[in-house]
N, C-alpha and C. Protein backbone atom coordinates (compact mmCIF):
# COMPACT_ATOMS: atom_id res chain seq x y z
N MET A 1 27.05 -10.59 7.38
CA MET A 1 26.74 -10.51 8.79
C MET A 1 27.02 -11.88 9.39
N SER A 2 27.87 -11.92 10.40
CA SER A 2 28.13 -13.20 11.05
C SER A 2 27.39 -13.26 12.37
N CYS A 3 27.00 -14.45 12.74
CA CYS A 3 26.21 -14.63 13.96
C CYS A 3 27.01 -15.41 14.97
N PRO A 4 27.40 -14.79 16.08
CA PRO A 4 28.06 -15.55 17.14
C PRO A 4 27.05 -16.47 17.83
N ALA A 5 27.55 -17.41 18.60
CA ALA A 5 26.65 -18.29 19.35
C ALA A 5 25.77 -17.45 20.25
N SER A 6 24.50 -17.83 20.35
CA SER A 6 23.58 -17.01 21.14
C SER A 6 22.88 -17.85 22.20
N GLY A 7 22.52 -17.19 23.28
CA GLY A 7 21.77 -17.83 24.34
C GLY A 7 20.35 -17.34 24.33
N TYR A 8 19.72 -17.35 25.47
CA TYR A 8 18.32 -16.93 25.55
C TYR A 8 18.15 -15.71 26.43
N SER A 9 19.14 -14.84 26.46
CA SER A 9 19.05 -13.67 27.31
C SER A 9 18.57 -12.46 26.52
N SER A 10 18.19 -11.42 27.24
CA SER A 10 17.83 -10.16 26.60
C SER A 10 19.10 -9.45 26.16
N GLY A 11 18.94 -8.50 25.24
CA GLY A 11 20.09 -7.74 24.75
C GLY A 11 20.13 -7.78 23.24
N VAL A 12 21.34 -7.70 22.68
CA VAL A 12 21.53 -7.72 21.23
C VAL A 12 22.22 -9.02 20.86
N ARG A 13 21.69 -9.70 19.86
CA ARG A 13 22.34 -10.93 19.41
C ARG A 13 21.82 -11.30 18.02
N CYS A 14 22.40 -12.34 17.46
CA CYS A 14 22.04 -12.83 16.14
C CYS A 14 21.54 -14.26 16.27
N GLN A 15 20.52 -14.60 15.50
CA GLN A 15 19.94 -15.94 15.55
C GLN A 15 19.71 -16.43 14.13
N ARG A 16 20.17 -17.61 13.81
CA ARG A 16 19.91 -18.23 12.49
C ARG A 16 18.67 -19.11 12.58
N TYR A 17 17.95 -19.23 11.43
CA TYR A 17 16.73 -20.03 11.39
C TYR A 17 16.85 -21.10 10.32
N PRO A 18 16.39 -22.31 10.60
CA PRO A 18 16.36 -23.35 9.58
C PRO A 18 15.21 -23.11 8.60
N GLY A 19 15.18 -23.87 7.54
CA GLY A 19 14.08 -23.76 6.57
C GLY A 19 14.50 -22.95 5.37
N GLY A 20 13.65 -22.98 4.33
CA GLY A 20 13.95 -22.25 3.09
C GLY A 20 15.26 -22.76 2.55
N ASN A 21 16.18 -21.87 2.25
CA ASN A 21 17.49 -22.30 1.79
C ASN A 21 18.53 -22.17 2.90
N GLY A 22 18.05 -22.11 4.15
CA GLY A 22 18.96 -22.08 5.29
C GLY A 22 19.58 -20.72 5.56
N ARG A 23 19.09 -19.67 4.89
CA ARG A 23 19.69 -18.35 5.06
C ARG A 23 18.90 -17.45 5.99
N GLY A 24 17.85 -17.94 6.63
CA GLY A 24 17.07 -17.09 7.51
C GLY A 24 17.85 -16.70 8.75
N ARG A 25 17.74 -15.41 9.14
CA ARG A 25 18.44 -14.96 10.34
C ARG A 25 17.82 -13.67 10.86
N TYR A 26 18.05 -13.43 12.14
CA TYR A 26 17.63 -12.19 12.79
C TYR A 26 18.82 -11.65 13.55
N GLN A 27 19.06 -10.35 13.41
CA GLN A 27 20.10 -9.71 14.19
C GLN A 27 19.52 -8.43 14.76
N GLY A 28 19.56 -8.31 16.06
CA GLY A 28 19.02 -7.12 16.69
C GLY A 28 18.75 -7.33 18.16
N LYS A 29 17.85 -6.52 18.68
CA LYS A 29 17.54 -6.56 20.11
C LYS A 29 16.51 -7.64 20.43
N TRP A 30 16.64 -8.17 21.63
CA TRP A 30 15.77 -9.22 22.14
C TRP A 30 15.26 -8.83 23.52
N LEU A 31 14.13 -9.38 23.87
CA LEU A 31 13.64 -9.32 25.24
C LEU A 31 13.20 -10.74 25.55
N GLY A 32 13.95 -11.42 26.40
CA GLY A 32 13.70 -12.84 26.63
C GLY A 32 14.02 -13.59 25.35
N ASN A 33 13.09 -14.37 24.86
CA ASN A 33 13.29 -15.14 23.63
C ASN A 33 12.61 -14.51 22.42
N GLN A 34 12.26 -13.22 22.49
CA GLN A 34 11.52 -12.59 21.40
C GLN A 34 12.25 -11.36 20.87
N HIS A 35 12.10 -11.13 19.56
CA HIS A 35 12.62 -9.91 18.95
C HIS A 35 11.90 -8.74 19.60
N HIS A 36 12.67 -7.76 20.06
CA HIS A 36 12.04 -6.64 20.77
C HIS A 36 12.98 -5.45 20.68
N GLY A 37 12.51 -4.37 20.05
CA GLY A 37 13.35 -3.21 19.79
C GLY A 37 13.72 -3.19 18.31
N TYR A 38 14.87 -2.66 17.98
CA TYR A 38 15.28 -2.58 16.57
C TYR A 38 15.99 -3.86 16.14
N GLY A 39 15.64 -4.36 14.93
CA GLY A 39 16.31 -5.54 14.41
C GLY A 39 16.05 -5.74 12.94
N VAL A 40 16.85 -6.64 12.36
CA VAL A 40 16.74 -6.99 10.94
C VAL A 40 16.53 -8.49 10.84
N LYS A 41 15.44 -8.89 10.16
CA LYS A 41 15.17 -10.31 9.98
C LYS A 41 15.08 -10.61 8.50
N LYS A 42 15.84 -11.61 8.07
CA LYS A 42 15.85 -12.02 6.67
C LYS A 42 15.34 -13.45 6.60
N SER A 43 14.34 -13.67 5.73
CA SER A 43 13.80 -15.03 5.57
C SER A 43 14.62 -15.77 4.51
N GLY A 44 14.47 -17.07 4.46
CA GLY A 44 15.16 -17.87 3.47
C GLY A 44 14.73 -17.57 2.05
N CYS A 45 13.55 -16.97 1.86
CA CYS A 45 13.06 -16.66 0.51
C CYS A 45 13.42 -15.25 0.07
N GLY A 46 14.24 -14.53 0.84
CA GLY A 46 14.73 -13.23 0.42
C GLY A 46 13.96 -12.03 0.93
N LEU A 47 12.90 -12.22 1.74
CA LEU A 47 12.21 -11.08 2.33
C LEU A 47 13.03 -10.58 3.53
N VAL A 48 13.21 -9.26 3.58
CA VAL A 48 13.99 -8.66 4.66
C VAL A 48 13.15 -7.57 5.32
N TYR A 49 12.97 -7.67 6.63
CA TYR A 49 12.30 -6.63 7.40
C TYR A 49 13.34 -5.97 8.28
N GLU A 50 13.40 -4.65 8.21
CA GLU A 50 14.32 -3.88 9.04
C GLU A 50 13.52 -2.82 9.76
N GLY A 51 13.50 -2.89 11.09
CA GLY A 51 12.73 -1.91 11.83
C GLY A 51 12.45 -2.33 13.25
N GLN A 52 11.35 -1.81 13.77
CA GLN A 52 10.98 -2.01 15.16
C GLN A 52 10.22 -3.33 15.36
N TRP A 53 10.46 -3.94 16.51
CA TRP A 53 9.79 -5.17 16.92
C TRP A 53 9.22 -4.98 18.32
N GLN A 54 8.15 -5.72 18.60
CA GLN A 54 7.61 -5.73 19.95
C GLN A 54 7.11 -7.13 20.24
N HIS A 55 7.70 -7.78 21.22
CA HIS A 55 7.33 -9.14 21.64
C HIS A 55 7.24 -10.10 20.45
N GLY A 56 8.24 -10.05 19.58
CA GLY A 56 8.32 -10.99 18.45
C GLY A 56 7.54 -10.61 17.21
N HIS A 57 6.86 -9.46 17.23
CA HIS A 57 6.06 -9.00 16.08
C HIS A 57 6.65 -7.73 15.49
N ARG A 58 6.51 -7.56 14.16
CA ARG A 58 6.84 -6.27 13.55
C ARG A 58 5.85 -5.26 14.13
N HIS A 59 6.38 -4.23 14.76
CA HIS A 59 5.51 -3.29 15.47
C HIS A 59 6.25 -1.96 15.60
N GLY A 60 5.69 -0.91 15.00
CA GLY A 60 6.36 0.39 14.94
C GLY A 60 6.71 0.70 13.49
N TYR A 61 7.79 1.41 13.28
CA TYR A 61 8.19 1.79 11.92
C TYR A 61 9.17 0.78 11.35
N GLY A 62 8.96 0.38 10.10
CA GLY A 62 9.88 -0.56 9.49
C GLY A 62 9.74 -0.63 7.99
N THR A 63 10.72 -1.28 7.36
CA THR A 63 10.78 -1.44 5.90
C THR A 63 10.84 -2.92 5.56
N LEU A 64 10.00 -3.33 4.61
CA LEU A 64 10.03 -4.69 4.09
C LEU A 64 10.50 -4.62 2.65
N ARG A 65 11.50 -5.42 2.31
CA ARG A 65 11.99 -5.44 0.93
C ARG A 65 12.24 -6.87 0.49
N GLN A 66 12.33 -7.05 -0.81
CA GLN A 66 12.59 -8.37 -1.41
C GLN A 66 13.97 -8.34 -2.04
N GLU A 67 14.83 -9.27 -1.65
CA GLU A 67 16.14 -9.41 -2.27
C GLU A 67 16.06 -10.56 -3.26
N LYS A 68 16.35 -10.25 -4.53
CA LYS A 68 16.24 -11.25 -5.61
C LYS A 68 17.54 -12.06 -5.69
N PRO A 69 17.47 -13.27 -6.29
CA PRO A 69 18.68 -14.10 -6.44
C PRO A 69 19.79 -13.40 -7.25
N ASN A 70 19.41 -12.48 -8.15
CA ASN A 70 20.43 -11.78 -8.94
C ASN A 70 21.08 -10.63 -8.17
N GLY A 71 20.70 -10.43 -6.92
CA GLY A 71 21.30 -9.39 -6.09
C GLY A 71 20.51 -8.09 -6.05
N SER A 72 19.53 -7.93 -6.91
CA SER A 72 18.74 -6.70 -6.89
C SER A 72 17.81 -6.69 -5.67
N LYS A 73 17.42 -5.49 -5.27
CA LYS A 73 16.53 -5.33 -4.12
C LYS A 73 15.33 -4.51 -4.55
N GLN A 74 14.17 -4.88 -4.06
CA GLN A 74 12.94 -4.17 -4.39
C GLN A 74 12.19 -3.88 -3.10
N ARG A 75 11.84 -2.58 -2.90
CA ARG A 75 11.05 -2.23 -1.74
C ARG A 75 9.65 -2.81 -1.89
N VAL A 76 9.08 -3.27 -0.80
CA VAL A 76 7.72 -3.80 -0.78
C VAL A 76 6.82 -2.85 0.01
N TYR A 77 7.26 -2.48 1.22
CA TYR A 77 6.45 -1.61 2.09
C TYR A 77 7.37 -0.84 3.02
N VAL A 78 7.04 0.44 3.22
CA VAL A 78 7.76 1.29 4.16
C VAL A 78 6.71 2.02 5.00
N GLY A 79 6.75 1.84 6.31
CA GLY A 79 5.77 2.54 7.13
C GLY A 79 5.52 1.89 8.47
N GLN A 80 4.33 2.13 8.99
CA GLN A 80 3.95 1.68 10.33
C GLN A 80 3.42 0.24 10.31
N TRP A 81 3.71 -0.48 11.38
CA TRP A 81 3.26 -1.86 11.58
C TRP A 81 2.62 -1.98 12.95
N GLU A 82 1.70 -2.92 13.07
CA GLU A 82 1.13 -3.26 14.37
C GLU A 82 0.86 -4.76 14.38
N GLU A 83 1.56 -5.47 15.26
CA GLU A 83 1.44 -6.93 15.40
C GLU A 83 1.54 -7.64 14.05
N ASN A 84 2.61 -7.36 13.31
CA ASN A 84 2.94 -7.99 12.02
C ASN A 84 2.06 -7.54 10.86
N LYS A 85 1.19 -6.55 11.06
CA LYS A 85 0.31 -6.09 9.98
C LYS A 85 0.57 -4.62 9.70
N ARG A 86 0.44 -4.25 8.42
CA ARG A 86 0.56 -2.84 8.05
C ARG A 86 -0.61 -2.10 8.70
N SER A 87 -0.30 -1.14 9.55
CA SER A 87 -1.31 -0.36 10.25
C SER A 87 -0.74 1.02 10.53
N GLY A 88 -1.51 2.05 10.21
CA GLY A 88 -1.03 3.42 10.35
C GLY A 88 -0.75 3.98 8.96
N GLU A 89 0.30 4.75 8.84
CA GLU A 89 0.64 5.37 7.57
C GLU A 89 1.79 4.61 6.91
N GLY A 90 1.65 4.35 5.60
CA GLY A 90 2.71 3.63 4.93
C GLY A 90 2.61 3.69 3.42
N LYS A 91 3.67 3.23 2.77
CA LYS A 91 3.78 3.25 1.32
C LYS A 91 4.05 1.83 0.82
N GLN A 92 3.17 1.33 -0.06
CA GLN A 92 3.26 -0.02 -0.61
C GLN A 92 3.67 0.06 -2.07
N PHE A 93 4.64 -0.75 -2.47
CA PHE A 93 5.12 -0.83 -3.84
C PHE A 93 4.67 -2.17 -4.41
N TYR A 94 3.86 -2.15 -5.49
CA TYR A 94 3.30 -3.37 -6.05
C TYR A 94 4.15 -3.86 -7.23
N PRO A 95 4.14 -5.17 -7.50
CA PRO A 95 4.96 -5.72 -8.59
C PRO A 95 4.66 -5.13 -9.97
N ASP A 96 3.43 -4.67 -10.21
CA ASP A 96 3.08 -4.12 -11.53
C ASP A 96 3.54 -2.68 -11.71
N GLY A 97 4.15 -2.08 -10.67
CA GLY A 97 4.62 -0.70 -10.75
C GLY A 97 3.70 0.30 -10.07
N SER A 98 2.53 -0.12 -9.62
CA SER A 98 1.62 0.76 -8.89
C SER A 98 2.20 1.06 -7.50
N VAL A 99 1.85 2.23 -6.95
CA VAL A 99 2.32 2.62 -5.62
C VAL A 99 1.14 3.21 -4.85
N TYR A 100 0.97 2.79 -3.61
CA TYR A 100 -0.06 3.34 -2.72
C TYR A 100 0.62 4.01 -1.54
N TYR A 101 0.17 5.22 -1.22
CA TYR A 101 0.65 5.90 -0.02
C TYR A 101 -0.57 6.38 0.76
N GLY A 102 -0.66 5.97 2.01
CA GLY A 102 -1.80 6.41 2.80
C GLY A 102 -1.94 5.60 4.07
N GLN A 103 -3.18 5.50 4.52
CA GLN A 103 -3.48 4.85 5.79
C GLN A 103 -3.80 3.37 5.59
N TRP A 104 -3.42 2.59 6.60
CA TRP A 104 -3.64 1.14 6.62
C TRP A 104 -4.30 0.76 7.94
N LEU A 105 -5.04 -0.34 7.90
CA LEU A 105 -5.61 -0.91 9.12
C LEU A 105 -5.62 -2.42 8.94
N ALA A 106 -4.85 -3.12 9.76
CA ALA A 106 -4.79 -4.59 9.74
C ALA A 106 -4.53 -5.13 8.33
N ASP A 107 -3.48 -4.61 7.68
CA ASP A 107 -3.03 -5.05 6.35
C ASP A 107 -3.96 -4.65 5.21
N LYS A 108 -4.92 -3.76 5.45
CA LYS A 108 -5.84 -3.31 4.40
C LYS A 108 -5.73 -1.79 4.26
N ARG A 109 -5.81 -1.30 3.02
CA ARG A 109 -5.86 0.14 2.80
C ARG A 109 -7.19 0.64 3.35
N SER A 110 -7.15 1.49 4.36
CA SER A 110 -8.36 2.01 5.01
C SER A 110 -8.07 3.40 5.53
N GLY A 111 -8.90 4.38 5.13
CA GLY A 111 -8.68 5.77 5.50
C GLY A 111 -8.37 6.58 4.25
N GLN A 112 -7.56 7.61 4.39
CA GLN A 112 -7.18 8.45 3.25
C GLN A 112 -5.95 7.87 2.57
N GLY A 113 -5.94 7.91 1.22
CA GLY A 113 -4.78 7.41 0.51
C GLY A 113 -4.76 7.80 -0.96
N ILE A 114 -3.58 7.65 -1.56
CA ILE A 114 -3.36 7.92 -2.98
C ILE A 114 -2.79 6.67 -3.62
N LEU A 115 -3.37 6.28 -4.76
CA LEU A 115 -2.86 5.15 -5.54
C LEU A 115 -2.44 5.65 -6.90
N TRP A 116 -1.14 5.51 -7.19
CA TRP A 116 -0.62 5.80 -8.53
C TRP A 116 -0.62 4.47 -9.28
N GLN A 117 -1.46 4.34 -10.29
CA GLN A 117 -1.59 3.08 -11.02
C GLN A 117 -0.53 2.96 -12.10
N ALA A 118 -0.18 1.74 -12.44
CA ALA A 118 0.85 1.48 -13.43
C ALA A 118 0.49 2.05 -14.81
N ASP A 119 -0.80 2.14 -15.12
CA ASP A 119 -1.22 2.65 -16.43
C ASP A 119 -1.24 4.17 -16.51
N GLY A 120 -0.89 4.87 -15.41
CA GLY A 120 -0.87 6.33 -15.40
C GLY A 120 -2.05 6.94 -14.69
N GLY A 121 -3.05 6.16 -14.33
CA GLY A 121 -4.19 6.67 -13.59
C GLY A 121 -3.82 6.93 -12.14
N VAL A 122 -4.59 7.80 -11.48
CA VAL A 122 -4.35 8.13 -10.07
C VAL A 122 -5.69 8.22 -9.36
N TYR A 123 -5.77 7.62 -8.16
CA TYR A 123 -6.95 7.77 -7.31
C TYR A 123 -6.51 8.46 -6.03
N VAL A 124 -7.24 9.51 -5.65
CA VAL A 124 -6.99 10.24 -4.40
C VAL A 124 -8.30 10.25 -3.62
N GLY A 125 -8.31 9.67 -2.44
CA GLY A 125 -9.55 9.69 -1.67
C GLY A 125 -9.59 8.68 -0.55
N GLU A 126 -10.80 8.27 -0.22
CA GLU A 126 -11.04 7.40 0.92
C GLU A 126 -11.01 5.92 0.51
N TRP A 127 -10.57 5.08 1.45
CA TRP A 127 -10.47 3.64 1.25
C TRP A 127 -11.13 2.93 2.42
N LEU A 128 -11.63 1.72 2.14
CA LEU A 128 -12.16 0.87 3.20
C LEU A 128 -11.89 -0.58 2.81
N LEU A 129 -11.17 -1.30 3.64
CA LEU A 129 -10.87 -2.72 3.43
C LEU A 129 -10.30 -2.98 2.03
N ASP A 130 -9.29 -2.19 1.66
CA ASP A 130 -8.54 -2.36 0.41
C ASP A 130 -9.30 -1.92 -0.84
N ARG A 131 -10.42 -1.22 -0.69
CA ARG A 131 -11.21 -0.78 -1.85
C ARG A 131 -11.46 0.72 -1.78
N MET A 132 -11.57 1.37 -2.95
CA MET A 132 -11.97 2.77 -2.99
C MET A 132 -13.39 2.83 -2.42
N HIS A 133 -13.57 3.67 -1.40
CA HIS A 133 -14.86 3.69 -0.71
C HIS A 133 -15.01 5.03 0.00
N GLY A 134 -16.03 5.80 -0.39
CA GLY A 134 -16.25 7.12 0.18
C GLY A 134 -16.02 8.17 -0.91
N ARG A 135 -15.58 9.36 -0.51
CA ARG A 135 -15.33 10.45 -1.46
C ARG A 135 -13.96 10.28 -2.08
N GLY A 136 -13.88 10.58 -3.39
CA GLY A 136 -12.58 10.50 -4.04
C GLY A 136 -12.59 11.09 -5.43
N VAL A 137 -11.38 11.17 -6.00
CA VAL A 137 -11.18 11.65 -7.36
C VAL A 137 -10.35 10.60 -8.08
N LEU A 138 -10.85 10.16 -9.24
CA LEU A 138 -10.14 9.18 -10.06
C LEU A 138 -9.72 9.87 -11.36
N PHE A 139 -8.41 10.03 -11.53
CA PHE A 139 -7.85 10.59 -12.76
C PHE A 139 -7.46 9.41 -13.65
N MET A 140 -8.05 9.34 -14.83
CA MET A 140 -7.75 8.23 -15.73
C MET A 140 -6.60 8.58 -16.67
N ALA A 141 -5.89 7.57 -17.14
CA ALA A 141 -4.73 7.77 -18.00
C ALA A 141 -5.11 8.50 -19.29
N ASN A 142 -6.36 8.38 -19.76
CA ASN A 142 -6.79 9.02 -21.01
C ASN A 142 -7.17 10.49 -20.84
N GLY A 143 -7.04 11.04 -19.63
CA GLY A 143 -7.35 12.44 -19.38
C GLY A 143 -8.72 12.69 -18.76
N ASN A 144 -9.59 11.70 -18.75
CA ASN A 144 -10.89 11.84 -18.09
C ASN A 144 -10.71 11.79 -16.58
N ARG A 145 -11.71 12.30 -15.86
CA ARG A 145 -11.66 12.15 -14.41
C ARG A 145 -13.08 12.10 -13.84
N TYR A 146 -13.18 11.44 -12.69
CA TYR A 146 -14.44 11.31 -11.98
C TYR A 146 -14.23 11.85 -10.57
N VAL A 147 -15.16 12.70 -10.14
CA VAL A 147 -15.12 13.26 -8.79
C VAL A 147 -16.44 12.90 -8.12
N GLY A 148 -16.39 12.13 -7.04
CA GLY A 148 -17.64 11.77 -6.40
C GLY A 148 -17.51 10.62 -5.43
N GLN A 149 -18.60 9.86 -5.33
CA GLN A 149 -18.71 8.77 -4.36
C GLN A 149 -18.23 7.45 -4.98
N PHE A 150 -17.61 6.64 -4.12
CA PHE A 150 -17.19 5.29 -4.47
C PHE A 150 -17.72 4.33 -3.43
N GLU A 151 -17.99 3.12 -3.85
CA GLU A 151 -18.42 2.09 -2.92
C GLU A 151 -17.87 0.75 -3.40
N ASP A 152 -17.17 0.06 -2.52
CA ASP A 152 -16.62 -1.27 -2.81
C ASP A 152 -15.78 -1.28 -4.09
N GLY A 153 -15.01 -0.21 -4.31
CA GLY A 153 -14.09 -0.15 -5.44
C GLY A 153 -14.68 0.38 -6.73
N CYS A 154 -15.96 0.75 -6.73
CA CYS A 154 -16.65 1.21 -7.95
C CYS A 154 -17.20 2.61 -7.76
N LYS A 155 -17.38 3.32 -8.88
CA LYS A 155 -18.10 4.59 -8.83
C LYS A 155 -19.54 4.25 -8.44
N SER A 156 -19.99 4.76 -7.32
CA SER A 156 -21.34 4.50 -6.83
C SER A 156 -21.81 5.68 -6.01
N GLY A 157 -22.93 6.28 -6.43
CA GLY A 157 -23.46 7.46 -5.76
C GLY A 157 -23.37 8.65 -6.70
N SER A 158 -23.53 9.84 -6.13
CA SER A 158 -23.49 11.03 -6.98
C SER A 158 -22.06 11.39 -7.32
N GLY A 159 -21.91 11.92 -8.54
CA GLY A 159 -20.58 12.30 -8.97
C GLY A 159 -20.60 13.10 -10.26
N VAL A 160 -19.44 13.62 -10.60
CA VAL A 160 -19.26 14.40 -11.83
C VAL A 160 -18.14 13.76 -12.62
N TYR A 161 -18.44 13.47 -13.90
CA TYR A 161 -17.46 12.85 -14.78
C TYR A 161 -17.04 13.89 -15.82
N TYR A 162 -15.75 14.15 -15.89
CA TYR A 162 -15.20 15.12 -16.85
C TYR A 162 -14.62 14.34 -18.02
N HIS A 163 -15.23 14.51 -19.20
CA HIS A 163 -14.78 13.83 -20.41
C HIS A 163 -13.79 14.74 -21.13
N GLY A 164 -12.59 14.26 -21.37
CA GLY A 164 -11.58 15.06 -22.06
C GLY A 164 -11.02 16.13 -21.16
N ASN A 165 -10.38 17.13 -21.76
CA ASN A 165 -9.83 18.24 -20.99
C ASN A 165 -10.30 19.56 -21.57
N LYS A 166 -10.03 20.65 -20.89
CA LYS A 166 -10.53 21.97 -21.29
C LYS A 166 -10.06 22.37 -22.69
N ASP A 167 -8.86 21.99 -23.05
CA ASP A 167 -8.32 22.35 -24.36
C ASP A 167 -9.05 21.65 -25.50
N ASP A 168 -9.61 20.50 -25.23
CA ASP A 168 -10.30 19.70 -26.27
C ASP A 168 -11.82 19.82 -26.19
N GLY A 169 -12.34 20.85 -25.56
CA GLY A 169 -13.79 20.99 -25.44
C GLY A 169 -14.37 20.01 -24.43
N GLN A 170 -13.88 20.09 -23.22
CA GLN A 170 -14.30 19.18 -22.15
C GLN A 170 -15.83 19.17 -21.98
N ARG A 171 -16.37 17.96 -21.76
CA ARG A 171 -17.80 17.81 -21.47
C ARG A 171 -17.94 17.33 -20.03
N ILE A 172 -18.93 17.90 -19.34
CA ILE A 172 -19.14 17.59 -17.93
C ILE A 172 -20.46 16.84 -17.78
N GLN A 173 -20.38 15.68 -17.15
CA GLN A 173 -21.55 14.83 -16.93
C GLN A 173 -21.81 14.71 -15.44
N ARG A 174 -22.95 15.21 -14.98
CA ARG A 174 -23.33 15.11 -13.57
C ARG A 174 -24.37 14.00 -13.47
N GLY A 175 -24.15 13.09 -12.51
CA GLY A 175 -25.11 12.01 -12.45
C GLY A 175 -25.00 11.15 -11.22
N PHE A 176 -25.64 9.99 -11.34
CA PHE A 176 -25.67 9.02 -10.26
C PHE A 176 -25.18 7.69 -10.81
N TRP A 177 -24.16 7.11 -10.16
CA TRP A 177 -23.55 5.87 -10.61
C TRP A 177 -23.87 4.73 -9.65
N SER A 178 -23.88 3.52 -10.19
CA SER A 178 -24.03 2.31 -9.38
C SER A 178 -23.14 1.25 -10.00
N GLN A 179 -22.19 0.75 -9.25
CA GLN A 179 -21.25 -0.28 -9.68
C GLN A 179 -20.59 0.09 -11.01
N ASP A 180 -20.05 1.30 -11.07
CA ASP A 180 -19.32 1.85 -12.23
C ASP A 180 -20.20 2.17 -13.44
N ILE A 181 -21.50 2.03 -13.34
CA ILE A 181 -22.40 2.33 -14.46
C ILE A 181 -23.21 3.57 -14.12
N CYS A 182 -23.24 4.52 -15.05
CA CYS A 182 -24.02 5.74 -14.84
C CYS A 182 -25.49 5.39 -15.06
N ARG A 183 -26.30 5.53 -14.02
CA ARG A 183 -27.73 5.18 -14.09
C ARG A 183 -28.59 6.35 -14.57
N THR A 184 -28.21 7.55 -14.21
CA THR A 184 -28.94 8.74 -14.65
C THR A 184 -27.97 9.91 -14.62
N SER A 185 -28.08 10.82 -15.62
CA SER A 185 -27.15 11.95 -15.65
C SER A 185 -27.68 13.09 -16.49
N LEU A 186 -27.05 14.23 -16.33
CA LEU A 186 -27.28 15.42 -17.13
C LEU A 186 -25.96 15.81 -17.76
N MET A 187 -25.99 16.03 -19.06
CA MET A 187 -24.79 16.48 -19.74
C MET A 187 -25.21 17.63 -20.65
N PRO A 188 -24.75 18.85 -20.38
CA PRO A 188 -25.15 19.99 -21.21
C PRO A 188 -24.80 19.73 -22.68
N LEU A 189 -25.66 20.19 -23.53
CA LEU A 189 -25.45 20.08 -24.97
C LEU A 189 -24.24 20.92 -25.35
N GLN A 190 -23.34 20.33 -26.10
CA GLN A 190 -22.17 21.07 -26.53
C GLN A 190 -22.40 21.55 -27.97
N LEU A 191 -22.42 22.85 -28.16
CA LEU A 191 -22.67 23.42 -29.46
C LEU A 191 -21.40 23.41 -30.30
N PRO A 192 -21.52 23.20 -31.61
CA PRO A 192 -20.33 23.22 -32.47
C PRO A 192 -19.69 24.60 -32.46
N ARG A 193 -18.40 24.64 -32.64
CA ARG A 193 -17.67 25.90 -32.64
C ARG A 193 -17.62 26.51 -34.02
C-alpha cells in the first residue's frame, strides 16, 4: 500500500506514523484530522485494525489481527467496538488457543458468552467483568460438568456436579459451593452392579 502526500481535509487518504519500526500507517476515510468511517490502521508492532472508526476511535464493527515478522497472521478479535474498547458482540482469540464468543462491555467479557478452553473444557453462561458470574454450565475436559451458580470466576451458590458420564455410571452431586469448594451436598449412594 503506498501513501500519497496527504493534507488535513476530510475524505479518503493515507497517513504514515513515526515510531516502532516506522511502519505504522492508516489508510481510509477521515473527517477533519480524525479517522472516521472505514479504514485500516497498522501499528509498527504488527497490530492491524480493519473496520469502522468514529472521531479517531475504533467504533462499530472491526477486526484486530497480529502480523508476525515471519509473515503469518493471527486473528485477535472480531466484533463490535465502542471508543477503542471491545463492546457489544465479539469473538476473542487467545494466544493459548482458547476462544471466547459473546458479549463485551468496555473491554471486559460481560453478559452471555461461551469460552472454549485450550484444554478442551467449555463454559457456557453469564459473565461479569471478565469472570464467570451468574448461571452457567462448565464442561470439563475429563467429562465432568457443573451446572449452577458462579461468582467471581468460581463455582459459588447452588449447583449440580455430574461426575463421569452416563456410560460409566455417572454420579450426581447436588450441593452448595463457595469459591470452587463444595460446602454441603447430597450424593445418592451408588449400588454395585
